[in-house]
Amino acid sequence: MPTPQLEIPGDCYWDLVFHYKNPDNVTVERTEIVRWSRKVSKSAFKEQTEEIASKLATEHKAGLEAGGSYSIVSASVRAETGISAEINSTISKVSRIEAHEELEESGESQHTYRLGPGSSYSLYQRVFYAPGVIVKTQTYSGGPGEEVPGPKIHVPITCDLRPNKFLSDIEASYLPPSL
């Protein structure tokens, strides 16, 4: 029997980190500290997975059984997003952390830029968001003005599931305590 799969909705977009306008009549060089982070909440991710699995099961789709219970075996996004390695590294931890645990990693990077008199500079950071997952990546785009580098794109997370096995048809025996 093939492994059941489902897709969790996710979005990738550019977030404005800062915009600086040089009001002076001289060229300036500035250095900014930018924070990246990765956060996974297994309970929120699992809740969304169960909700979608339940809906697909009642519609008899994705090879899921109505009333069944499933565990996440693996989760990944398509390679074409350009930042998939960073996202996949984060969401791969979903199957390894405890049920109500959150995982968070963060760090900083420096960005130095030069601005001529009266010019401006904007820095954008690539962000991925899905239920229970937020990745503020280490992918940046900067330039003059405030134009966003690209559109928001839908990037689903594909999850491989495993049916949970439960015990059934078990008879209980009662043994009286020894005297």
N, C-alpha and C. Protein backbone atom coordinates (compact mmCIF):
# COMPACT_ATOMS: atom_id res chain seq x y z
N MET A 1 0.84 -1.18 0.00
CA MET A 1 0.00 0.00 0.00
C MET A 1 0.89 1.25 0.00
N PRO A 2 0.63 2.20 -0.91
CA PRO A 2 1.48 3.40 -0.96
C PRO A 2 1.32 4.25 0.30
N THR A 3 2.37 4.99 0.60
CA THR A 3 2.34 5.88 1.76
C THR A 3 1.38 7.03 1.49
N PRO A 4 0.41 7.25 2.40
CA PRO A 4 -0.50 8.39 2.20
C PRO A 4 0.27 9.71 2.28
N GLN A 5 -0.13 10.64 1.43
CA GLN A 5 0.49 11.97 1.42
C GLN A 5 -0.59 13.04 1.49
N LEU A 6 -0.23 14.18 2.04
CA LEU A 6 -1.11 15.34 1.97
C LEU A 6 -0.28 16.59 1.93
N GLU A 7 -0.91 17.70 1.53
CA GLU A 7 -0.21 18.97 1.44
C GLU A 7 -0.74 19.95 2.47
N ILE A 8 0.18 20.58 3.19
CA ILE A 8 -0.13 21.64 4.14
C ILE A 8 0.14 22.96 3.42
N PRO A 9 -0.79 23.92 3.44
CA PRO A 9 -0.54 25.18 2.74
C PRO A 9 0.59 25.98 3.39
N GLY A 10 1.40 26.58 2.56
CA GLY A 10 2.49 27.44 3.03
C GLY A 10 2.70 28.58 2.05
N ASP A 11 3.27 29.67 2.52
CA ASP A 11 3.52 30.83 1.67
C ASP A 11 4.95 31.33 1.86
N CYS A 12 5.52 31.82 0.79
CA CYS A 12 6.85 32.40 0.79
C CYS A 12 6.72 33.83 0.29
N TYR A 13 7.27 34.78 1.03
CA TYR A 13 7.14 36.18 0.64
C TYR A 13 8.36 36.97 1.09
N TRP A 14 8.47 38.19 0.60
CA TRP A 14 9.56 39.09 0.98
C TRP A 14 9.05 40.04 2.04
N ASP A 15 9.79 40.16 3.15
CA ASP A 15 9.42 41.03 4.26
C ASP A 15 10.43 42.17 4.36
N LEU A 16 9.94 43.40 4.47
CA LEU A 16 10.83 44.56 4.59
C LEU A 16 11.52 44.53 5.95
N VAL A 17 12.84 44.49 5.95
CA VAL A 17 13.63 44.50 7.18
C VAL A 17 13.89 45.95 7.60
N PHE A 18 14.32 46.77 6.64
CA PHE A 18 14.50 48.19 6.92
C PHE A 18 14.50 48.98 5.62
N HIS A 19 14.22 50.26 5.75
CA HIS A 19 14.32 51.21 4.65
C HIS A 19 15.05 52.43 5.21
N TYR A 20 16.13 52.83 4.55
CA TYR A 20 16.89 53.98 5.03
C TYR A 20 17.01 55.00 3.90
N LYS A 21 16.69 56.24 4.21
CA LYS A 21 16.84 57.34 3.25
C LYS A 21 17.96 58.25 3.76
N ASN A 22 18.91 58.52 2.89
CA ASN A 22 20.04 59.37 3.24
C ASN A 22 19.65 60.84 3.00
N PRO A 23 19.36 61.56 4.06
CA PRO A 23 18.96 62.96 3.89
C PRO A 23 20.16 63.90 3.70
N ASP A 24 21.35 63.40 3.96
CA ASP A 24 22.55 64.24 3.92
C ASP A 24 23.03 64.46 2.48
N ASN A 25 23.90 65.42 2.34
CA ASN A 25 24.45 65.75 1.03
C ASN A 25 25.82 65.10 0.83
N VAL A 26 26.06 64.00 1.55
CA VAL A 26 27.33 63.26 1.44
C VAL A 26 27.03 61.77 1.33
N THR A 27 27.98 61.03 0.81
CA THR A 27 27.83 59.58 0.74
C THR A 27 28.07 59.00 2.14
N VAL A 28 27.20 58.06 2.53
CA VAL A 28 27.35 57.43 3.85
C VAL A 28 27.46 55.92 3.67
N GLU A 29 28.16 55.30 4.61
CA GLU A 29 28.23 53.84 4.65
C GLU A 29 27.60 53.40 5.96
N ARG A 30 26.66 52.47 5.86
CA ARG A 30 25.94 52.00 7.06
C ARG A 30 26.06 50.48 7.17
N THR A 31 26.03 50.01 8.40
CA THR A 31 26.02 48.58 8.67
C THR A 31 24.81 48.29 9.54
N GLU A 32 24.02 47.32 9.12
CA GLU A 32 22.82 46.92 9.86
C GLU A 32 22.97 45.46 10.29
N ILE A 33 22.48 45.15 11.47
CA ILE A 33 22.44 43.77 11.96
C ILE A 33 21.04 43.23 11.67
N VAL A 34 20.97 42.10 10.98
CA VAL A 34 19.69 41.50 10.61
C VAL A 34 19.58 40.13 11.25
N ARG A 35 18.42 39.84 11.80
CA ARG A 35 18.18 38.59 12.52
C ARG A 35 17.43 37.60 11.62
N TRP A 36 17.92 36.35 11.59
CA TRP A 36 17.20 35.27 10.92
C TRP A 36 16.71 34.32 12.00
N SER A 37 15.67 33.56 11.72
CA SER A 37 15.16 32.62 12.72
C SER A 37 14.38 31.49 12.06
N ARG A 38 14.29 30.40 12.79
CA ARG A 38 13.50 29.23 12.38
C ARG A 38 12.72 28.77 13.59
N LYS A 39 11.41 28.63 13.43
CA LYS A 39 10.59 28.20 14.55
C LYS A 39 9.57 27.17 14.07
N VAL A 40 9.49 26.06 14.82
CA VAL A 40 8.53 25.00 14.52
C VAL A 40 7.76 24.67 15.79
N SER A 41 6.45 24.66 15.70
CA SER A 41 5.59 24.22 16.79
C SER A 41 4.93 22.93 16.33
N LYS A 42 5.37 21.81 16.90
CA LYS A 42 4.84 20.53 16.45
C LYS A 42 3.35 20.42 16.67
N SER A 43 2.84 20.92 17.79
CA SER A 43 1.41 20.79 18.07
C SER A 43 0.58 21.54 17.02
N ALA A 44 0.98 22.75 16.63
CA ALA A 44 0.24 23.51 15.61
C ALA A 44 0.34 22.83 14.25
N PHE A 45 1.51 22.33 13.90
CA PHE A 45 1.71 21.65 12.62
C PHE A 45 0.89 20.35 12.58
N LYS A 46 0.94 19.60 13.67
CA LYS A 46 0.21 18.33 13.75
C LYS A 46 -1.30 18.56 13.69
N GLU A 47 -1.77 19.59 14.38
CA GLU A 47 -3.20 19.92 14.37
C GLU A 47 -3.68 20.20 12.94
N GLN A 48 -2.91 20.98 12.19
CA GLN A 48 -3.27 21.29 10.81
C GLN A 48 -3.23 20.03 9.95
N THR A 49 -2.24 19.17 10.17
CA THR A 49 -2.13 17.92 9.42
C THR A 49 -3.34 17.04 9.68
N GLU A 50 -3.72 16.90 10.95
CA GLU A 50 -4.88 16.07 11.30
C GLU A 50 -6.17 16.62 10.71
N GLU A 51 -6.31 17.94 10.71
CA GLU A 51 -7.51 18.58 10.16
C GLU A 51 -7.63 18.30 8.65
N ILE A 52 -6.53 18.46 7.93
CA ILE A 52 -6.53 18.20 6.49
C ILE A 52 -6.72 16.71 6.21
N ALA A 53 -6.06 15.85 6.98
CA ALA A 53 -6.20 14.40 6.80
C ALA A 53 -7.64 13.97 7.03
N SER A 54 -8.29 14.51 8.04
CA SER A 54 -9.68 14.17 8.33
C SER A 54 -10.59 14.58 7.18
N LYS A 55 -10.36 15.77 6.65
CA LYS A 55 -11.17 16.27 5.53
C LYS A 55 -10.97 15.38 4.30
N LEU A 56 -9.71 15.06 3.99
CA LEU A 56 -9.43 14.21 2.82
C LEU A 56 -10.00 12.81 3.00
N ALA A 57 -9.96 12.29 4.23
CA ALA A 57 -10.49 10.95 4.49
C ALA A 57 -11.99 10.91 4.27
N THR A 58 -12.71 11.93 4.73
CA THR A 58 -14.17 11.94 4.53
C THR A 58 -14.52 12.12 3.06
N GLU A 59 -13.62 12.71 2.29
CA GLU A 59 -13.84 12.86 0.85
C GLU A 59 -13.25 11.66 0.08
N HIS A 60 -12.72 10.67 0.80
CA HIS A 60 -12.12 9.46 0.23
C HIS A 60 -10.99 9.81 -0.74
N LYS A 61 -10.11 10.71 -0.31
CA LYS A 61 -8.97 11.12 -1.14
C LYS A 61 -7.66 10.79 -0.42
N ALA A 62 -6.59 10.78 -1.17
CA ALA A 62 -5.21 10.62 -0.67
C ALA A 62 -4.97 9.28 0.01
N GLY A 63 -5.84 8.30 -0.18
CA GLY A 63 -5.63 6.98 0.41
C GLY A 63 -5.75 6.95 1.92
N LEU A 64 -6.52 7.88 2.49
CA LEU A 64 -6.70 7.95 3.94
C LEU A 64 -8.04 7.35 4.33
N GLU A 65 -8.07 6.70 5.48
CA GLU A 65 -9.30 6.09 5.98
C GLU A 65 -10.01 7.04 6.93
N ALA A 66 -11.33 7.16 6.77
CA ALA A 66 -12.12 7.99 7.67
C ALA A 66 -11.99 7.45 9.09
N GLY A 67 -11.75 8.32 10.03
CA GLY A 67 -11.59 7.92 11.43
C GLY A 67 -10.21 7.41 11.76
N GLY A 68 -9.32 7.35 10.76
CA GLY A 68 -7.97 6.86 10.99
C GLY A 68 -7.12 7.90 11.69
N SER A 69 -6.03 7.44 12.27
CA SER A 69 -5.08 8.33 12.93
C SER A 69 -3.72 8.14 12.26
N TYR A 70 -3.03 9.25 12.01
CA TYR A 70 -1.79 9.20 11.25
C TYR A 70 -0.68 9.98 11.93
N SER A 71 0.56 9.52 11.73
CA SER A 71 1.75 10.23 12.22
C SER A 71 2.52 10.75 11.01
N ILE A 72 3.22 11.85 11.20
CA ILE A 72 4.03 12.43 10.12
C ILE A 72 5.36 11.68 10.06
N VAL A 73 5.65 11.09 8.92
CA VAL A 73 6.92 10.38 8.72
C VAL A 73 7.97 11.36 8.21
N SER A 74 7.60 12.17 7.23
CA SER A 74 8.51 13.17 6.69
C SER A 74 7.71 14.33 6.12
N ALA A 75 8.37 15.46 5.97
CA ALA A 75 7.75 16.66 5.40
C ALA A 75 8.80 17.41 4.60
N SER A 76 8.40 17.94 3.43
CA SER A 76 9.35 18.69 2.60
C SER A 76 8.61 19.63 1.65
N VAL A 77 9.36 20.59 1.10
CA VAL A 77 8.83 21.48 0.07
C VAL A 77 9.60 21.24 -1.22
N ARG A 78 9.01 21.68 -2.33
CA ARG A 78 9.65 21.51 -3.64
C ARG A 78 10.96 22.30 -3.72
N ALA A 79 11.86 21.81 -4.54
CA ALA A 79 13.19 22.42 -4.67
C ALA A 79 13.16 23.76 -5.41
N GLU A 80 12.11 24.04 -6.17
CA GLU A 80 12.12 25.23 -7.02
C GLU A 80 11.96 26.56 -6.28
N THR A 81 11.76 26.55 -4.98
CA THR A 81 11.57 27.81 -4.26
C THR A 81 12.86 28.59 -4.08
N GLY A 82 14.01 27.98 -4.27
CA GLY A 82 15.28 28.69 -4.10
C GLY A 82 15.78 28.70 -2.66
N ILE A 83 14.89 28.52 -1.72
CA ILE A 83 15.28 28.47 -0.30
C ILE A 83 14.81 27.16 0.32
N SER A 84 14.53 26.19 -0.52
CA SER A 84 13.95 24.93 -0.03
C SER A 84 14.86 24.20 0.95
N ALA A 85 16.18 24.27 0.78
CA ALA A 85 17.09 23.57 1.70
C ALA A 85 16.92 24.09 3.12
N GLU A 86 16.81 25.41 3.26
CA GLU A 86 16.66 26.02 4.58
C GLU A 86 15.30 25.65 5.20
N ILE A 87 14.26 25.65 4.37
CA ILE A 87 12.91 25.29 4.86
C ILE A 87 12.87 23.81 5.21
N ASN A 88 13.38 22.95 4.31
CA ASN A 88 13.36 21.51 4.55
C ASN A 88 14.16 21.13 5.80
N SER A 89 15.27 21.81 6.03
CA SER A 89 16.05 21.56 7.23
C SER A 89 15.22 21.82 8.48
N THR A 90 14.39 22.85 8.43
CA THR A 90 13.55 23.21 9.57
C THR A 90 12.39 22.24 9.74
N ILE A 91 11.64 21.98 8.66
CA ILE A 91 10.44 21.14 8.81
C ILE A 91 10.77 19.66 8.96
N SER A 92 11.98 19.25 8.60
CA SER A 92 12.35 17.84 8.79
C SER A 92 12.38 17.48 10.27
N LYS A 93 12.52 18.48 11.12
CA LYS A 93 12.58 18.24 12.56
C LYS A 93 11.20 17.96 13.16
N VAL A 94 10.13 18.18 12.39
CA VAL A 94 8.77 17.98 12.90
C VAL A 94 8.56 16.55 13.38
N SER A 95 9.07 15.57 12.65
CA SER A 95 8.86 14.18 13.05
C SER A 95 9.78 13.74 14.18
N ARG A 96 10.78 14.56 14.54
CA ARG A 96 11.73 14.17 15.58
C ARG A 96 11.48 14.82 16.94
N ILE A 97 10.73 15.92 16.98
CA ILE A 97 10.52 16.58 18.27
C ILE A 97 9.27 16.04 18.94
N GLU A 98 9.19 16.20 20.24
CA GLU A 98 8.06 15.70 21.02
C GLU A 98 6.77 16.41 20.64
N ALA A 99 5.62 15.81 21.01
CA ALA A 99 4.29 16.25 20.57
C ALA A 99 3.99 17.72 20.82
N HIS A 100 4.33 18.26 21.96
CA HIS A 100 3.97 19.64 22.26
C HIS A 100 5.19 20.55 22.31
N GLU A 101 6.27 20.09 21.76
CA GLU A 101 7.53 20.82 21.83
C GLU A 101 7.63 21.86 20.72
N GLU A 102 8.34 22.92 21.01
CA GLU A 102 8.67 23.92 20.01
C GLU A 102 10.18 23.93 19.81
N LEU A 103 10.58 24.15 18.60
CA LEU A 103 11.99 24.21 18.27
C LEU A 103 12.27 25.60 17.71
N GLU A 104 13.29 26.25 18.23
CA GLU A 104 13.61 27.60 17.75
C GLU A 104 15.12 27.76 17.62
N GLU A 105 15.54 28.30 16.48
CA GLU A 105 16.94 28.62 16.23
C GLU A 105 16.98 30.04 15.67
N SER A 106 18.04 30.76 15.97
CA SER A 106 18.15 32.11 15.41
C SER A 106 19.62 32.53 15.37
N GLY A 107 19.86 33.59 14.64
CA GLY A 107 21.20 34.13 14.53
C GLY A 107 21.14 35.51 13.90
N GLU A 108 22.29 36.09 13.68
CA GLU A 108 22.37 37.44 13.12
C GLU A 108 23.38 37.47 11.98
N SER A 109 23.16 38.41 11.07
CA SER A 109 24.13 38.66 10.01
C SER A 109 24.24 40.17 9.81
N GLN A 110 25.37 40.59 9.27
CA GLN A 110 25.62 42.02 9.03
C GLN A 110 25.43 42.35 7.56
N HIS A 111 24.86 43.51 7.32
CA HIS A 111 24.71 44.01 5.95
C HIS A 111 25.25 45.43 5.90
N THR A 112 26.26 45.64 5.05
CA THR A 112 26.86 46.95 4.89
C THR A 112 26.54 47.47 3.50
N TYR A 113 26.18 48.74 3.42
CA TYR A 113 25.83 49.34 2.13
C TYR A 113 26.24 50.80 2.12
N ARG A 114 26.43 51.35 0.92
CA ARG A 114 26.80 52.76 0.74
C ARG A 114 25.65 53.48 0.04
N LEU A 115 25.37 54.69 0.52
CA LEU A 115 24.30 55.49 -0.07
C LEU A 115 24.83 56.85 -0.48
N GLY A 116 24.52 57.23 -1.71
CA GLY A 116 24.89 58.56 -2.18
C GLY A 116 23.94 59.60 -1.60
N PRO A 117 24.24 60.86 -1.79
CA PRO A 117 23.40 61.94 -1.27
C PRO A 117 21.95 61.83 -1.75
N GLY A 118 21.02 61.90 -0.80
CA GLY A 118 19.59 61.89 -1.12
C GLY A 118 19.04 60.57 -1.61
N SER A 119 19.82 59.50 -1.59
CA SER A 119 19.31 58.20 -2.07
C SER A 119 18.77 57.37 -0.91
N SER A 120 18.13 56.26 -1.27
CA SER A 120 17.57 55.39 -0.23
C SER A 120 17.92 53.93 -0.52
N TYR A 121 17.76 53.10 0.49
CA TYR A 121 18.09 51.68 0.38
C TYR A 121 17.09 50.88 1.22
N SER A 122 16.58 49.80 0.63
CA SER A 122 15.67 48.90 1.35
C SER A 122 16.27 47.50 1.35
N LEU A 123 16.10 46.79 2.46
CA LEU A 123 16.54 45.40 2.54
C LEU A 123 15.33 44.54 2.87
N TYR A 124 15.14 43.49 2.07
CA TYR A 124 14.05 42.54 2.26
C TYR A 124 14.62 41.18 2.62
N GLN A 125 13.85 40.44 3.40
CA GLN A 125 14.24 39.09 3.83
C GLN A 125 13.17 38.11 3.35
N ARG A 126 13.60 36.96 2.86
CA ARG A 126 12.67 35.92 2.40
C ARG A 126 12.12 35.22 3.63
N VAL A 127 10.78 35.09 3.70
CA VAL A 127 10.12 34.46 4.84
C VAL A 127 9.20 33.35 4.34
N PHE A 128 9.20 32.23 5.05
CA PHE A 128 8.28 31.13 4.77
C PHE A 128 7.36 30.97 5.96
N TYR A 129 6.05 30.86 5.69
CA TYR A 129 5.07 30.68 6.76
C TYR A 129 4.12 29.54 6.40
N ALA A 130 3.90 28.65 7.35
CA ALA A 130 2.89 27.59 7.26
C ALA A 130 2.41 27.37 8.70
N PRO A 131 1.26 26.74 8.90
CA PRO A 131 0.80 26.51 10.27
C PRO A 131 1.86 25.78 11.10
N GLY A 132 2.31 26.42 12.17
CA GLY A 132 3.31 25.84 13.04
C GLY A 132 4.75 26.02 12.59
N VAL A 133 4.97 26.67 11.45
CA VAL A 133 6.33 26.84 10.91
C VAL A 133 6.53 28.29 10.45
N ILE A 134 7.57 28.94 10.97
CA ILE A 134 7.95 30.27 10.48
C ILE A 134 9.47 30.25 10.29
N VAL A 135 9.90 30.51 9.06
CA VAL A 135 11.33 30.55 8.76
C VAL A 135 11.65 31.92 8.17
N LYS A 136 12.37 32.72 8.93
CA LYS A 136 12.91 33.99 8.42
C LYS A 136 14.30 33.63 7.93
N THR A 137 14.43 33.45 6.62
CA THR A 137 15.64 32.86 6.04
C THR A 137 16.84 33.80 6.06
N GLN A 138 17.95 33.24 5.61
CA GLN A 138 19.18 34.02 5.45
C GLN A 138 19.33 34.46 4.00
N THR A 139 18.20 34.57 3.30
CA THR A 139 18.18 35.05 1.92
C THR A 139 17.66 36.49 1.93
N TYR A 140 18.46 37.41 1.42
CA TYR A 140 18.13 38.83 1.46
C TYR A 140 18.21 39.42 0.06
N SER A 141 17.47 40.51 -0.14
CA SER A 141 17.53 41.26 -1.38
C SER A 141 17.46 42.74 -1.04
N GLY A 142 18.41 43.50 -1.53
CA GLY A 142 18.43 44.93 -1.21
C GLY A 142 18.67 45.77 -2.44
N GLY A 143 18.23 47.01 -2.35
CA GLY A 143 18.44 47.94 -3.45
C GLY A 143 17.80 49.27 -3.18
N PRO A 144 17.93 50.19 -4.14
CA PRO A 144 17.35 51.51 -3.96
C PRO A 144 15.82 51.45 -3.99
N GLY A 145 15.19 52.40 -3.34
CA GLY A 145 13.73 52.46 -3.35
C GLY A 145 13.12 51.45 -2.41
N GLU A 146 11.80 51.26 -2.56
CA GLU A 146 11.08 50.35 -1.68
C GLU A 146 10.37 49.23 -2.44
N GLU A 147 10.79 48.96 -3.65
CA GLU A 147 10.11 47.95 -4.46
C GLU A 147 10.38 46.54 -3.92
N VAL A 148 9.29 45.79 -3.71
CA VAL A 148 9.40 44.41 -3.22
C VAL A 148 10.03 43.56 -4.31
N PRO A 149 11.04 42.71 -3.96
CA PRO A 149 11.78 41.94 -4.96
C PRO A 149 10.95 40.90 -5.73
N GLY A 150 9.85 40.46 -5.19
CA GLY A 150 9.06 39.45 -5.88
C GLY A 150 7.72 39.24 -5.22
N PRO A 151 6.83 38.51 -5.89
CA PRO A 151 5.49 38.29 -5.35
C PRO A 151 5.47 37.21 -4.27
N LYS A 152 4.39 37.18 -3.53
CA LYS A 152 4.14 36.11 -2.57
C LYS A 152 3.80 34.86 -3.38
N ILE A 153 4.39 33.72 -3.01
CA ILE A 153 4.09 32.49 -3.73
C ILE A 153 3.61 31.41 -2.77
N HIS A 154 2.73 30.56 -3.27
CA HIS A 154 2.20 29.45 -2.49
C HIS A 154 3.21 28.30 -2.57
N VAL A 155 3.67 27.83 -1.42
CA VAL A 155 4.66 26.74 -1.35
C VAL A 155 4.14 25.69 -0.37
N PRO A 156 3.42 24.68 -0.86
CA PRO A 156 2.88 23.67 0.05
C PRO A 156 3.96 22.75 0.61
N ILE A 157 3.70 22.26 1.81
CA ILE A 157 4.56 21.26 2.44
C ILE A 157 3.92 19.90 2.16
N THR A 158 4.67 19.00 1.54
CA THR A 158 4.18 17.65 1.28
C THR A 158 4.57 16.76 2.46
N CYS A 159 3.57 16.14 3.08
CA CYS A 159 3.80 15.28 4.24
C CYS A 159 3.52 13.83 3.89
N ASP A 160 4.46 12.95 4.21
CA ASP A 160 4.24 11.51 4.12
C ASP A 160 3.72 11.06 5.47
N LEU A 161 2.65 10.28 5.46
CA LEU A 161 2.01 9.86 6.71
C LEU A 161 2.13 8.36 6.91
N ARG A 162 2.02 7.95 8.16
CA ARG A 162 2.00 6.54 8.53
C ARG A 162 0.77 6.33 9.41
N PRO A 163 -0.04 5.31 9.10
CA PRO A 163 -1.20 5.04 9.96
C PRO A 163 -0.73 4.61 11.35
N ASN A 164 -1.37 5.14 12.37
CA ASN A 164 -1.07 4.71 13.74
C ASN A 164 -1.77 3.38 13.99
N LYS A 165 -1.07 2.47 14.59
CA LYS A 165 -1.65 1.15 14.90
C LYS A 165 -2.15 1.16 16.34
N PHE A 166 -3.34 0.64 16.52
CA PHE A 166 -3.93 0.55 17.85
C PHE A 166 -4.23 -0.91 18.15
N LEU A 167 -4.18 -1.27 19.41
CA LEU A 167 -4.51 -2.63 19.82
C LEU A 167 -6.02 -2.82 19.78
N SER A 168 -6.46 -3.99 19.35
CA SER A 168 -7.90 -4.29 19.36
C SER A 168 -8.09 -5.77 19.66
N ASP A 169 -9.30 -6.12 20.00
CA ASP A 169 -9.67 -7.51 20.31
C ASP A 169 -8.77 -8.11 21.39
N ILE A 170 -8.56 -7.39 22.45
CA ILE A 170 -7.73 -7.86 23.55
C ILE A 170 -8.64 -8.24 24.70
N GLU A 171 -8.39 -9.40 25.28
CA GLU A 171 -9.16 -9.83 26.44
C GLU A 171 -8.35 -9.55 27.69
N ALA A 172 -8.99 -8.99 28.66
CA ALA A 172 -8.32 -8.70 29.93
C ALA A 172 -8.57 -9.85 30.89
N SER A 173 -7.54 -10.25 31.57
CA SER A 173 -7.66 -11.30 32.58
C SER A 173 -7.45 -10.68 33.94
N TYR A 174 -8.23 -11.17 34.90
CA TYR A 174 -8.11 -10.65 36.25
C TYR A 174 -7.53 -11.75 37.11
N LEU A 175 -6.44 -11.44 37.77
CA LEU A 175 -5.85 -12.40 38.69
C LEU A 175 -6.03 -11.83 40.09
N PRO A 176 -6.63 -12.59 40.98
CA PRO A 176 -6.81 -12.08 42.34
C PRO A 176 -5.45 -11.93 43.02
N PRO A 177 -5.33 -10.96 43.91
CA PRO A 177 -4.05 -10.78 44.60
C PRO A 177 -3.73 -12.01 45.46
N SER A 178 -2.47 -12.31 45.54
CA SER A 178 -2.03 -13.44 46.37
C SER A 178 -2.22 -13.11 47.83
N LEU A 179 -2.64 -14.08 48.58
CA LEU A 179 -2.83 -13.88 50.02
C LEU A 179 -1.65 -14.35 50.79
